[in-house]
């Protein structure tokens, strides 16, 4: 693989980490709640397990990517990079939720 591919990966992952830290502080407030998935646990109020709720949100991002691939543009002022970064973060959050106590009965194998 070329260095450009790894440069792209590093750029996206660095951006994803920064956004996740900011959004987690705003949405979950883990310093006071002690729960970095607090906002995602709201899905259980409507009998949707946390991992499935996160998967639904990931699906929204994948739908946006599909729209971009079909149209070449978005109506809302969000770049394809922003959407990809959000999808990366939802995948990380989904994996994390599978390992978190009280978030579901599925556990990752590795």
PDB file of N, CA and C in Angstrom:
ATOM      1  N   UNK A   1       0.836  -1.181   0.000  1.00  0.00           N
ATOM      2  CA  UNK A   1       0.000   0.000   0.000  1.00  0.00           C
ATOM      3  C   UNK A   1       0.880   1.244   0.000  1.00  0.00           C
ATOM      4  N   UNK A   2       0.326   2.274  -0.564  1.00  0.00           N
ATOM      5  CA  UNK A   2       1.107   3.502  -0.664  1.00  0.00           C
ATOM      6  C   UNK A   2       1.030   4.302   0.629  1.00  0.00           C
ATOM      7  N   UNK A   3       2.010   5.166   0.797  1.00  0.00           N
ATOM      8  CA  UNK A   3       1.997   6.059   1.953  1.00  0.00           C
ATOM      9  C   UNK A   3       0.776   6.970   1.930  1.00  0.00           C
ATOM     10  N   UNK A   4       0.282   7.298   0.747  1.00  0.00           N
ATOM     11  CA  UNK A   4      -0.888   8.174   0.658  1.00  0.00           C
ATOM     12  C   UNK A   4      -2.100   7.529   1.320  1.00  0.00           C
ATOM     13  N   UNK A   5      -2.246   6.214   1.156  1.00  0.00           N
ATOM     14  CA  UNK A   5      -3.365   5.517   1.796  1.00  0.00           C
ATOM     15  C   UNK A   5      -3.238   5.620   3.311  1.00  0.00           C
ATOM     16  N   UNK A   6      -2.048   5.400   3.839  1.00  0.00           N
ATOM     17  CA  UNK A   6      -1.838   5.482   5.286  1.00  0.00           C
ATOM     18  C   UNK A   6      -1.966   6.914   5.787  1.00  0.00           C
ATOM     19  N   UNK A   7      -1.570   7.871   4.963  1.00  0.00           N
ATOM     20  CA  UNK A   7      -1.758   9.279   5.323  1.00  0.00           C
ATOM     21  C   UNK A   7      -3.254   9.598   5.434  1.00  0.00           C
ATOM     22  N   UNK A   8      -4.037   9.069   4.500  1.00  0.00           N
ATOM     23  CA  UNK A   8      -5.489   9.264   4.550  1.00  0.00           C
ATOM     24  C   UNK A   8      -6.067   8.620   5.795  1.00  0.00           C
ATOM     25  N   UNK A   9      -5.634   7.404   6.086  1.00  0.00           N
ATOM     26  CA  UNK A   9      -6.115   6.709   7.282  1.00  0.00           C
ATOM     27  C   UNK A   9      -5.783   7.513   8.534  1.00  0.00           C
ATOM     28  N   UNK A  10      -4.566   7.972   8.649  1.00  0.00           N
ATOM     29  CA  UNK A  10      -4.158   8.730   9.827  1.00  0.00           C
ATOM     30  C   UNK A  10      -4.973  10.010   9.949  1.00  0.00           C
ATOM     31  N   UNK A  11      -5.165  10.705   8.841  1.00  0.00           N
ATOM     32  CA  UNK A  11      -5.947  11.942   8.850  1.00  0.00           C
ATOM     33  C   UNK A  11      -7.368  11.674   9.353  1.00  0.00           C
ATOM     34  N   UNK A  12      -8.010  10.647   8.790  1.00  0.00           N
ATOM     35  CA  UNK A  12      -9.386  10.345   9.180  1.00  0.00           C
ATOM     36  C   UNK A  12      -9.474   9.876  10.631  1.00  0.00           C
ATOM     37  N   UNK A  13      -8.546   9.041  11.050  1.00  0.00           N
ATOM     38  CA  UNK A  13      -8.578   8.532  12.426  1.00  0.00           C
ATOM     39  C   UNK A  13      -8.283   9.638  13.436  1.00  0.00           C
ATOM     40  N   UNK A  14      -7.335  10.522  13.110  1.00  0.00           N
ATOM     41  CA  UNK A  14      -7.050  11.654  14.007  1.00  0.00           C
ATOM     42  C   UNK A  14      -8.268  12.558  14.134  1.00  0.00           C
ATOM     43  N   UNK A  15      -8.904  12.839  13.005  1.00  0.00           N
ATOM     44  CA  UNK A  15     -10.109  13.675  13.021  1.00  0.00           C
ATOM     45  C   UNK A  15     -11.219  12.974  13.801  1.00  0.00           C
ATOM     46  N   UNK A  16     -11.386  11.670  13.583  1.00  0.00           N
ATOM     47  CA  UNK A  16     -12.421  10.901  14.279  1.00  0.00           C
ATOM     48  C   UNK A  16     -12.208  10.943  15.786  1.00  0.00           C
ATOM     49  N   UNK A  17     -10.960  10.809  16.220  1.00  0.00           N
ATOM     50  CA  UNK A  17     -10.667  10.838  17.657  1.00  0.00           C
ATOM     51  C   UNK A  17     -11.031  12.192  18.262  1.00  0.00           C
ATOM     52  N   UNK A  18     -10.665  13.258  17.597  1.00  0.00           N
ATOM     53  CA  UNK A  18     -10.979  14.592  18.112  1.00  0.00           C
ATOM     54  C   UNK A  18     -12.478  14.825  18.213  1.00  0.00           C
ATOM     55  N   UNK A  19     -13.203  14.423  17.181  1.00  0.00           N
ATOM     56  CA  UNK A  19     -14.661  14.596  17.187  1.00  0.00           C
ATOM     57  C   UNK A  19     -15.294  13.726  18.254  1.00  0.00           C
ATOM     58  N   UNK A  20     -14.822  12.491  18.400  1.00  0.00           N
ATOM     59  CA  UNK A  20     -15.405  11.609  19.410  1.00  0.00           C
ATOM     60  C   UNK A  20     -15.204  12.172  20.815  1.00  0.00           C
ATOM     61  N   UNK A  21     -14.027  12.698  21.089  1.00  0.00           N
ATOM     62  CA  UNK A  21     -13.774  13.282  22.411  1.00  0.00           C
ATOM     63  C   UNK A  21     -14.719  14.443  22.679  1.00  0.00           C
ATOM     64  N   UNK A  22     -14.885  15.322  21.695  1.00  0.00           N
ATOM     65  CA  UNK A  22     -15.760  16.481  21.867  1.00  0.00           C
ATOM     66  C   UNK A  22     -17.218  16.077  22.025  1.00  0.00           C
ATOM     67  N   UNK A  23     -17.688  15.216  21.144  1.00  0.00           N
ATOM     68  CA  UNK A  23     -19.094  14.811  21.199  1.00  0.00           C
ATOM     69  C   UNK A  23     -19.390  13.988  22.442  1.00  0.00           C
ATOM     70  N   UNK A  24     -18.453  13.135  22.851  1.00  0.00           N
ATOM     71  CA  UNK A  24     -18.680  12.328  24.048  1.00  0.00           C
ATOM     72  C   UNK A  24     -18.818  13.221  25.269  1.00  0.00           C
ATOM     73  N   UNK A  25     -18.010  14.269  25.334  1.00  0.00           N
ATOM     74  CA  UNK A  25     -18.103  15.208  26.456  1.00  0.00           C
ATOM     75  C   UNK A  25     -19.448  15.930  26.447  1.00  0.00           C
ATOM     76  N   UNK A  26     -19.928  16.286  25.258  1.00  0.00           N
ATOM     77  CA  UNK A  26     -21.200  17.004  25.152  1.00  0.00           C
ATOM     78  C   UNK A  26     -22.405  16.096  25.365  1.00  0.00           C
ATOM     79  N   UNK A  27     -22.391  14.915  24.775  1.00  0.00           N
ATOM     80  CA  UNK A  27     -23.566  14.054  24.795  1.00  0.00           C
ATOM     81  C   UNK A  27     -23.647  13.156  26.023  1.00  0.00           C
ATOM     82  N   UNK A  28     -22.545  12.552  26.411  1.00  0.00           N
ATOM     83  CA  UNK A  28     -22.567  11.598  27.526  1.00  0.00           C
ATOM     84  C   UNK A  28     -22.091  12.183  28.833  1.00  0.00           C
ATOM     85  N   UNK A  29     -21.264  13.219  28.761  1.00  0.00           N
ATOM     86  CA  UNK A  29     -20.695  13.842  29.952  1.00  0.00           C
ATOM     87  C   UNK A  29     -20.138  12.790  30.910  1.00  0.00           C
ATOM     88  N   UNK A  30     -19.185  11.969  30.437  1.00  0.00           N
ATOM     89  CA  UNK A  30     -18.699  10.858  31.254  1.00  0.00           C
ATOM     90  C   UNK A  30     -18.034  11.280  32.562  1.00  0.00           C
ATOM     91  N   UNK A  31     -17.541  12.530  32.629  1.00  0.00           N
ATOM     92  CA  UNK A  31     -16.908  12.979  33.872  1.00  0.00           C
ATOM     93  C   UNK A  31     -17.914  12.998  35.020  1.00  0.00           C
ATOM     94  N   UNK A  32     -19.156  13.366  34.718  1.00  0.00           N
ATOM     95  CA  UNK A  32     -20.159  13.419  35.795  1.00  0.00           C
ATOM     96  C   UNK A  32     -21.026  12.167  35.848  1.00  0.00           C
ATOM     97  N   UNK A  33     -21.282  11.536  34.698  1.00  0.00           N
ATOM     98  CA  UNK A  33     -22.144  10.350  34.697  1.00  0.00           C
ATOM     99  C   UNK A  33     -21.364   9.069  34.952  1.00  0.00           C
ATOM    100  N   UNK A  34     -20.058   9.089  34.640  1.00  0.00           N
ATOM    101  CA  UNK A  34     -19.259   7.867  34.757  1.00  0.00           C
ATOM    102  C   UNK A  34     -19.584   6.861  33.662  1.00  0.00           C
ATOM    103  N   UNK A  35     -20.332   7.295  32.662  1.00  0.00           N
ATOM    104  CA  UNK A  35     -20.798   6.384  31.610  1.00  0.00           C
ATOM    105  C   UNK A  35     -20.587   7.026  30.247  1.00  0.00           C
ATOM    106  N   UNK A  36     -19.623   6.514  29.504  1.00  0.00           N
ATOM    107  CA  UNK A  36     -19.344   7.094  28.195  1.00  0.00           C
ATOM    108  C   UNK A  36     -20.352   6.678  27.130  1.00  0.00           C
ATOM    109  N   UNK A  37     -21.344   5.867  27.504  1.00  0.00           N
ATOM    110  CA  UNK A  37     -22.409   5.491  26.574  1.00  0.00           C
ATOM    111  C   UNK A  37     -23.774   5.983  27.051  1.00  0.00           C
ATOM    112  N   UNK A  38     -23.779   6.943  27.965  1.00  0.00           N
ATOM    113  CA  UNK A  38     -25.035   7.384  28.596  1.00  0.00           C
ATOM    114  C   UNK A  38     -26.079   7.801  27.562  1.00  0.00           C
ATOM    115  N   UNK A  39     -25.695   8.562  26.571  1.00  0.00           N
ATOM    116  CA  UNK A  39     -26.695   9.011  25.593  1.00  0.00           C
ATOM    117  C   UNK A  39     -27.223   7.867  24.743  1.00  0.00           C
ATOM    118  N   UNK A  40     -26.424   6.859  24.504  1.00  0.00           N
ATOM    119  CA  UNK A  40     -26.881   5.724  23.698  1.00  0.00           C
ATOM    120  C   UNK A  40     -27.819   4.808  24.484  1.00  0.00           C
ATOM    121  N   UNK A  41     -27.728   4.836  25.790  1.00  0.00           N
ATOM    122  CA  UNK A  41     -28.611   3.991  26.607  1.00  0.00           C
ATOM    123  C   UNK A  41     -30.069   4.431  26.527  1.00  0.00           C
ATOM    124  N   UNK A  42     -30.311   5.631  26.016  1.00  0.00           N
ATOM    125  CA  UNK A  42     -31.679   6.101  25.844  1.00  0.00           C
ATOM    126  C   UNK A  42     -32.507   5.198  24.948  1.00  0.00           C
ATOM    127  N   UNK A  43     -31.850   4.463  24.066  1.00  0.00           N
ATOM    128  CA  UNK A  43     -32.587   3.568  23.167  1.00  0.00           C
ATOM    129  C   UNK A  43     -33.324   2.475  23.936  1.00  0.00           C
ATOM    130  N   UNK A  44     -32.841   2.158  25.132  1.00  0.00           N
ATOM    131  CA  UNK A  44     -33.495   1.097  25.907  1.00  0.00           C
ATOM    132  C   UNK A  44     -34.873   1.541  26.417  1.00  0.00           C
ATOM    133  N   UNK A  45     -35.138   2.846  26.412  1.00  0.00           N
ATOM    134  CA  UNK A  45     -36.458   3.345  26.823  1.00  0.00           C
ATOM    135  C   UNK A  45     -37.548   2.894  25.860  1.00  0.00           C
ATOM    136  N   UNK A  46     -37.158   2.555  24.640  1.00  0.00           N
ATOM    137  CA  UNK A  46     -38.113   2.060  23.650  1.00  0.00           C
ATOM    138  C   UNK A  46     -37.780   0.610  23.263  1.00  0.00           C
ATOM    139  N   UNK A  47     -37.192  -0.104  24.214  1.00  0.00           N
ATOM    140  CA  UNK A  47     -36.868  -1.522  24.085  1.00  0.00           C
ATOM    141  C   UNK A  47     -35.923  -1.843  22.921  1.00  0.00           C
ATOM    142  N   UNK A  48     -35.026  -0.908  22.611  1.00  0.00           N
ATOM    143  CA  UNK A  48     -33.992  -1.156  21.605  1.00  0.00           C
ATOM    144  C   UNK A  48     -32.670  -1.269  22.345  1.00  0.00           C
ATOM    145  N   UNK A  49     -32.035  -2.445  22.298  1.00  0.00           N
ATOM    146  CA  UNK A  49     -30.738  -2.590  22.971  1.00  0.00           C
ATOM    147  C   UNK A  49     -29.719  -1.578  22.452  1.00  0.00           C
ATOM    148  N   UNK A  50     -28.825  -1.185  23.308  1.00  0.00           N
ATOM    149  CA  UNK A  50     -27.830  -0.156  22.973  1.00  0.00           C
ATOM    150  C   UNK A  50     -27.084  -0.470  21.674  1.00  0.00           C
ATOM    151  N   UNK A  51     -26.526  -1.679  21.501  1.00  0.00           N
ATOM    152  CA  UNK A  51     -25.801  -1.936  20.246  1.00  0.00           C
ATOM    153  C   UNK A  51     -26.688  -1.782  19.008  1.00  0.00           C
ATOM    154  N   UNK A  52     -27.946  -2.193  19.097  1.00  0.00           N
ATOM    155  CA  UNK A  52     -28.834  -2.047  17.939  1.00  0.00           C
ATOM    156  C   UNK A  52     -29.160  -0.582  17.679  1.00  0.00           C
ATOM    157  N   UNK A  53     -29.295   0.214  18.722  1.00  0.00           N
ATOM    158  CA  UNK A  53     -29.516   1.647  18.555  1.00  0.00           C
ATOM    159  C   UNK A  53     -28.346   2.307  17.850  1.00  0.00           C
ATOM    160  N   UNK A  54     -27.146   1.909  18.228  1.00  0.00           N
ATOM    161  CA  UNK A  54     -25.947   2.452  17.581  1.00  0.00           C
ATOM    162  C   UNK A  54     -25.885   1.996  16.128  1.00  0.00           C
ATOM    163  N   UNK A  55     -26.234   0.741  15.889  1.00  0.00           N
ATOM    164  CA  UNK A  55     -26.250   0.199  14.528  1.00  0.00           C
ATOM    165  C   UNK A  55     -27.225   0.981  13.645  1.00  0.00           C
ATOM    166  N   UNK A  56     -28.358   1.376  14.195  1.00  0.00           N
ATOM    167  CA  UNK A  56     -29.332   2.177  13.448  1.00  0.00           C
ATOM    168  C   UNK A  56     -28.714   3.522  13.063  1.00  0.00           C
ATOM    169  N   UNK A  57     -28.014   4.140  14.003  1.00  0.00           N
ATOM    170  CA  UNK A  57     -27.359   5.424  13.700  1.00  0.00           C
ATOM    171  C   UNK A  57     -26.278   5.252  12.635  1.00  0.00           C
ATOM    172  N   UNK A  58     -25.547   4.143  12.702  1.00  0.00           N
ATOM    173  CA  UNK A  58     -24.559   3.840  11.671  1.00  0.00           C
ATOM    174  C   UNK A  58     -25.249   3.679  10.317  1.00  0.00           C
ATOM    175  N   UNK A  59     -26.404   3.039  10.332  1.00  0.00           N
ATOM    176  CA  UNK A  59     -27.164   2.864   9.099  1.00  0.00           C
ATOM    177  C   UNK A  59     -27.541   4.197   8.471  1.00  0.00           C
ATOM    178  N   UNK A  60     -27.852   5.180   9.314  1.00  0.00           N
ATOM    179  CA  UNK A  60     -28.153   6.524   8.799  1.00  0.00           C
ATOM    180  C   UNK A  60     -26.946   7.082   8.044  1.00  0.00           C
ATOM    181  N   UNK A  61     -25.764   6.889   8.597  1.00  0.00           N
ATOM    182  CA  UNK A  61     -24.548   7.388   7.939  1.00  0.00           C
ATOM    183  C   UNK A  61     -24.300   6.646   6.631  1.00  0.00           C
ATOM    184  N   UNK A  62     -24.550   5.337   6.632  1.00  0.00           N
ATOM    185  CA  UNK A  62     -24.352   4.560   5.411  1.00  0.00           C
ATOM    186  C   UNK A  62     -25.349   4.994   4.332  1.00  0.00           C
ATOM    187  N   UNK A  63     -26.562   5.349   4.737  1.00  0.00           N
ATOM    188  CA  UNK A  63     -27.546   5.858   3.782  1.00  0.00           C
ATOM    189  C   UNK A  63     -27.076   7.174   3.179  1.00  0.00           C
ATOM    190  N   UNK A  64     -26.470   8.030   4.000  1.00  0.00           N
ATOM    191  CA  UNK A  64     -25.933   9.295   3.495  1.00  0.00           C
ATOM    192  C   UNK A  64     -24.817   9.035   2.483  1.00  0.00           C
ATOM    193  N   UNK A  65     -23.973   8.063   2.781  1.00  0.00           N
ATOM    194  CA  UNK A  65     -22.889   7.730   1.846  1.00  0.00           C
ATOM    195  C   UNK A  65     -23.473   7.206   0.538  1.00  0.00           C
ATOM    196  N   UNK A  66     -24.495   6.369   0.626  1.00  0.00           N
ATOM    197  CA  UNK A  66     -25.148   5.858  -0.585  1.00  0.00           C
ATOM    198  C   UNK A  66     -25.731   7.010  -1.414  1.00  0.00           C
ATOM    199  N   UNK A  67     -26.370   7.954  -0.741  1.00  0.00           N
ATOM    200  CA  UNK A  67     -26.916   9.124  -1.435  1.00  0.00           C
ATOM    201  C   UNK A  67     -25.809   9.888  -2.138  1.00  0.00           C
ATOM    202  N   UNK A  68     -24.694  10.075  -1.450  1.00  0.00           N
ATOM    203  CA  UNK A  68     -23.561  10.781  -2.055  1.00  0.00           C
ATOM    204  C   UNK A  68     -23.052  10.032  -3.288  1.00  0.00           C
ATOM    205  N   UNK A  69     -22.935   8.717  -3.180  1.00  0.00           N
ATOM    206  CA  UNK A  69     -22.438   7.924  -4.307  1.00  0.00           C
ATOM    207  C   UNK A  69     -23.392   7.996  -5.500  1.00  0.00           C
ATOM    208  N   UNK A  70     -24.690   8.091  -5.218  1.00  0.00           N
ATOM    209  CA  UNK A  70     -25.677   8.160  -6.300  1.00  0.00           C
ATOM    210  C   UNK A  70     -25.812   9.555  -6.895  1.00  0.00           C
ATOM    211  N   UNK A  71     -25.703  10.588  -6.055  1.00  0.00           N
ATOM    212  CA  UNK A  71     -25.922  11.970  -6.501  1.00  0.00           C
ATOM    213  C   UNK A  71     -24.645  12.759  -6.689  1.00  0.00           C
ATOM    214  N   UNK A  72     -23.608  12.391  -5.934  1.00  0.00           N
ATOM    215  CA  UNK A  72     -22.359  13.137  -5.991  1.00  0.00           C
ATOM    216  C   UNK A  72     -22.340  14.367  -5.110  1.00  0.00           C
ATOM    217  N   UNK A  73     -23.394  14.538  -4.321  1.00  0.00           N
ATOM    218  CA  UNK A  73     -23.483  15.712  -3.447  1.00  0.00           C
ATOM    219  C   UNK A  73     -24.480  15.437  -2.328  1.00  0.00           C
ATOM    220  N   UNK A  74     -24.447  16.299  -1.314  1.00  0.00           N
ATOM    221  CA  UNK A  74     -25.415  16.259  -0.220  1.00  0.00           C
ATOM    222  C   UNK A  74     -26.242  17.536  -0.265  1.00  0.00           C
ATOM    223  N   UNK A  75     -27.467  17.468   0.199  1.00  0.00           N
ATOM    224  CA  UNK A  75     -28.301  18.665   0.358  1.00  0.00           C
ATOM    225  C   UNK A  75     -27.847  19.459   1.583  1.00  0.00           C
ATOM    226  N   UNK A  76     -27.529  18.743   2.655  1.00  0.00           N
ATOM    227  CA  UNK A  76     -27.107  19.365   3.905  1.00  0.00           C
ATOM    228  C   UNK A  76     -25.617  19.664   3.812  1.00  0.00           C
ATOM    229  N   UNK A  77     -25.191  20.735   4.450  1.00  0.00           N
ATOM    230  CA  UNK A  77     -23.796  21.158   4.395  1.00  0.00           C
ATOM    231  C   UNK A  77     -22.926  20.272   5.292  1.00  0.00           C
ATOM    232  N   UNK A  78     -22.688  19.063   4.831  1.00  0.00           N
ATOM    233  CA  UNK A  78     -21.784  18.126   5.512  1.00  0.00           C
ATOM    234  C   UNK A  78     -20.995  17.426   4.419  1.00  0.00           C
ATOM    235  N   UNK A  79     -19.689  17.390   4.570  1.00  0.00           N
ATOM    236  CA  UNK A  79     -18.853  16.786   3.536  1.00  0.00           C
ATOM    237  C   UNK A  79     -18.877  15.269   3.640  1.00  0.00           C
ATOM    238  N   UNK A  80     -18.460  14.622   2.571  1.00  0.00           N
ATOM    239  CA  UNK A  80     -18.339  13.162   2.587  1.00  0.00           C
ATOM    240  C   UNK A  80     -17.316  12.749   3.643  1.00  0.00           C
ATOM    241  N   UNK A  81     -16.281  13.559   3.826  1.00  0.00           N
ATOM    242  CA  UNK A  81     -15.291  13.254   4.854  1.00  0.00           C
ATOM    243  C   UNK A  81     -15.941  13.241   6.238  1.00  0.00           C
ATOM    244  N   UNK A  82     -16.780  14.221   6.517  1.00  0.00           N
ATOM    245  CA  UNK A  82     -17.460  14.267   7.815  1.00  0.00           C
ATOM    246  C   UNK A  82     -18.333  13.034   8.019  1.00  0.00           C
ATOM    247  N   UNK A  83     -19.031  12.620   6.978  1.00  0.00           N
ATOM    248  CA  UNK A  83     -19.899  11.451   7.076  1.00  0.00           C
ATOM    249  C   UNK A  83     -19.080  10.183   7.302  1.00  0.00           C
ATOM    250  N   UNK A  84     -17.964  10.045   6.597  1.00  0.00           N
ATOM    251  CA  UNK A  84     -17.091   8.877   6.777  1.00  0.00           C
ATOM    252  C   UNK A  84     -16.525   8.861   8.197  1.00  0.00           C
ATOM    253  N   UNK A  85     -16.106  10.005   8.690  1.00  0.00           N
ATOM    254  CA  UNK A  85     -15.569  10.096  10.056  1.00  0.00           C
ATOM    255  C   UNK A  85     -16.645   9.707  11.070  1.00  0.00           C
ATOM    256  N   UNK A  86     -17.868  10.175  10.880  1.00  0.00           N
ATOM    257  CA  UNK A  86     -18.958   9.788  11.773  1.00  0.00           C
ATOM    258  C   UNK A  86     -19.184   8.280  11.739  1.00  0.00           C
ATOM    259  N   UNK A  87     -19.132   7.687  10.547  1.00  0.00           N
ATOM    260  CA  UNK A  87     -19.307   6.240  10.425  1.00  0.00           C
ATOM    261  C   UNK A  87     -18.189   5.488  11.156  1.00  0.00           C
ATOM    262  N   UNK A  88     -16.970   5.959  11.010  1.00  0.00           N
ATOM    263  CA  UNK A  88     -15.847   5.352  11.738  1.00  0.00           C
ATOM    264  C   UNK A  88     -16.137   5.381  13.235  1.00  0.00           C
ATOM    265  N   UNK A  89     -16.574   6.529  13.727  1.00  0.00           N
ATOM    266  CA  UNK A  89     -16.841   6.645  15.160  1.00  0.00           C
ATOM    267  C   UNK A  89     -17.981   5.745  15.602  1.00  0.00           C
ATOM    268  N   UNK A  90     -19.043   5.643  14.808  1.00  0.00           N
ATOM    269  CA  UNK A  90     -20.141   4.750  15.186  1.00  0.00           C
ATOM    270  C   UNK A  90     -19.685   3.296  15.215  1.00  0.00           C
ATOM    271  N   UNK A  91     -18.791   2.905  14.316  1.00  0.00           N
ATOM    272  CA  UNK A  91     -18.260   1.537  14.363  1.00  0.00           C
ATOM    273  C   UNK A  91     -17.468   1.299  15.648  1.00  0.00           C
ATOM    274  N   UNK A  92     -16.670   2.272  16.042  1.00  0.00           N
ATOM    275  CA  UNK A  92     -15.902   2.153  17.291  1.00  0.00           C
ATOM    276  C   UNK A  92     -16.845   2.093  18.486  1.00  0.00           C
ATOM    277  N   UNK A  93     -17.849   2.966  18.497  1.00  0.00           N
ATOM    278  CA  UNK A  93     -18.805   2.994  19.601  1.00  0.00           C
ATOM    279  C   UNK A  93     -19.591   1.685  19.655  1.00  0.00           C
ATOM    280  N   UNK A  94     -19.971   1.159  18.503  1.00  0.00           N
ATOM    281  CA  UNK A  94     -20.688  -0.116  18.454  1.00  0.00           C
ATOM    282  C   UNK A  94     -19.839  -1.224  19.065  1.00  0.00           C
ATOM    283  N   UNK A  95     -18.596  -1.323  18.655  1.00  0.00           N
ATOM    284  CA  UNK A  95     -17.706  -2.347  19.207  1.00  0.00           C
ATOM    285  C   UNK A  95     -17.553  -2.165  20.719  1.00  0.00           C
ATOM    286  N   UNK A  96     -17.364  -0.924  21.153  1.00  0.00           N
ATOM    287  CA  UNK A  96     -17.214  -0.628  22.579  1.00  0.00           C
ATOM    288  C   UNK A  96     -18.467  -1.043  23.347  1.00  0.00           C
ATOM    289  N   UNK A  97     -19.636  -0.772  22.772  1.00  0.00           N
ATOM    290  CA  UNK A  97     -20.884  -1.107  23.464  1.00  0.00           C
ATOM    291  C   UNK A  97     -21.048  -2.608  23.637  1.00  0.00           C
ATOM    292  N   UNK A  98     -20.527  -3.371  22.707  1.00  0.00           N
ATOM    293  CA  UNK A  98     -20.633  -4.831  22.811  1.00  0.00           C
ATOM    294  C   UNK A  98     -19.835  -5.374  23.989  1.00  0.00           C
ATOM    295  N   UNK A  99     -18.816  -4.629  24.404  1.00  0.00           N
ATOM    296  CA  UNK A  99     -17.983  -5.046  25.534  1.00  0.00           C
ATOM    297  C   UNK A  99     -18.431  -4.419  26.844  1.00  0.00           C
ATOM    298  N   UNK A 100     -19.310  -3.418  26.780  1.00  0.00           N
ATOM    299  CA  UNK A 100     -19.699  -2.668  27.980  1.00  0.00           C
ATOM    300  C   UNK A 100     -20.767  -3.420  28.776  1.00  0.00           C
ATOM    301  N   UNK A 101     -20.661  -3.393  30.091  1.00  0.00           N
ATOM    302  CA  UNK A 101     -21.666  -4.052  30.920  1.00  0.00           C
ATOM    303  C   UNK A 101     -23.050  -3.439  30.710  1.00  0.00           C
ATOM    304  N   UNK A 102     -24.047  -4.304  30.626  1.00  0.00           N
ATOM    305  CA  UNK A 102     -25.423  -3.855  30.542  1.00  0.00           C
ATOM    306  C   UNK A 102     -25.851  -3.311  29.196  1.00  0.00           C
ATOM    307  N   UNK A 103     -25.063  -3.566  28.164  1.00  0.00           N
ATOM    308  CA  UNK A 103     -25.411  -3.024  26.848  1.00  0.00           C
ATOM    309  C   UNK A 103     -25.943  -4.057  25.870  1.00  0.00           C
ATOM    310  N   UNK A 104     -26.002  -5.260  26.250  1.00  0.00           N
ATOM    311  CA  UNK A 104     -26.517  -6.269  25.332  1.00  0.00           C
ATOM    312  C   UNK A 104     -25.937  -7.624  25.658  1.00  0.00           C
ATOM    313  N   UNK A 105     -26.498  -8.625  25.016  1.00  0.00           N
ATOM    314  CA  UNK A 105     -26.039  -9.974  25.305  1.00  0.00           C
ATOM    315  C   UNK A 105     -25.001 -10.474  24.313  1.00  0.00           C
ATOM    316  N   UNK A 106     -24.701  -9.680  23.292  1.00  0.00           N
ATOM    317  CA  UNK A 106     -23.689 -10.088  22.313  1.00  0.00           C
ATOM    318  C   UNK A 106     -22.325  -9.594  22.766  1.00  0.00           C
ATOM    319  N   UNK A 107     -21.339 -10.428  22.587  1.00  0.00           N
ATOM    320  CA  UNK A 107     -19.964 -10.054  22.935  1.00  0.00           C
ATOM    321  C   UNK A 107     -19.061 -10.308  21.749  1.00  0.00           C
ATOM    322  N   UNK A 108     -18.151  -9.381  21.463  1.00  0.00           N
ATOM    323  CA  UNK A 108     -17.218  -9.623  20.364  1.00  0.00           C
ATOM    324  C   UNK A 108     -16.282 -10.765  20.715  1.00  0.00           C
ATOM    325  N   UNK A 109     -15.871 -11.488  19.712  1.00  0.00           N
ATOM    326  CA  UNK A 109     -14.967 -12.629  19.912  1.00  0.00           C
ATOM    327  C   UNK A 109     -13.517 -12.181  20.134  1.00  0.00           C
ATOM    328  N   UNK A 110     -13.191 -10.992  19.650  1.00  0.00           N
ATOM    329  CA  UNK A 110     -11.810 -10.513  19.814  1.00  0.00           C
ATOM    330  C   UNK A 110     -11.791  -9.025  20.048  1.00  0.00           C
TER     331      UNK A 110
END
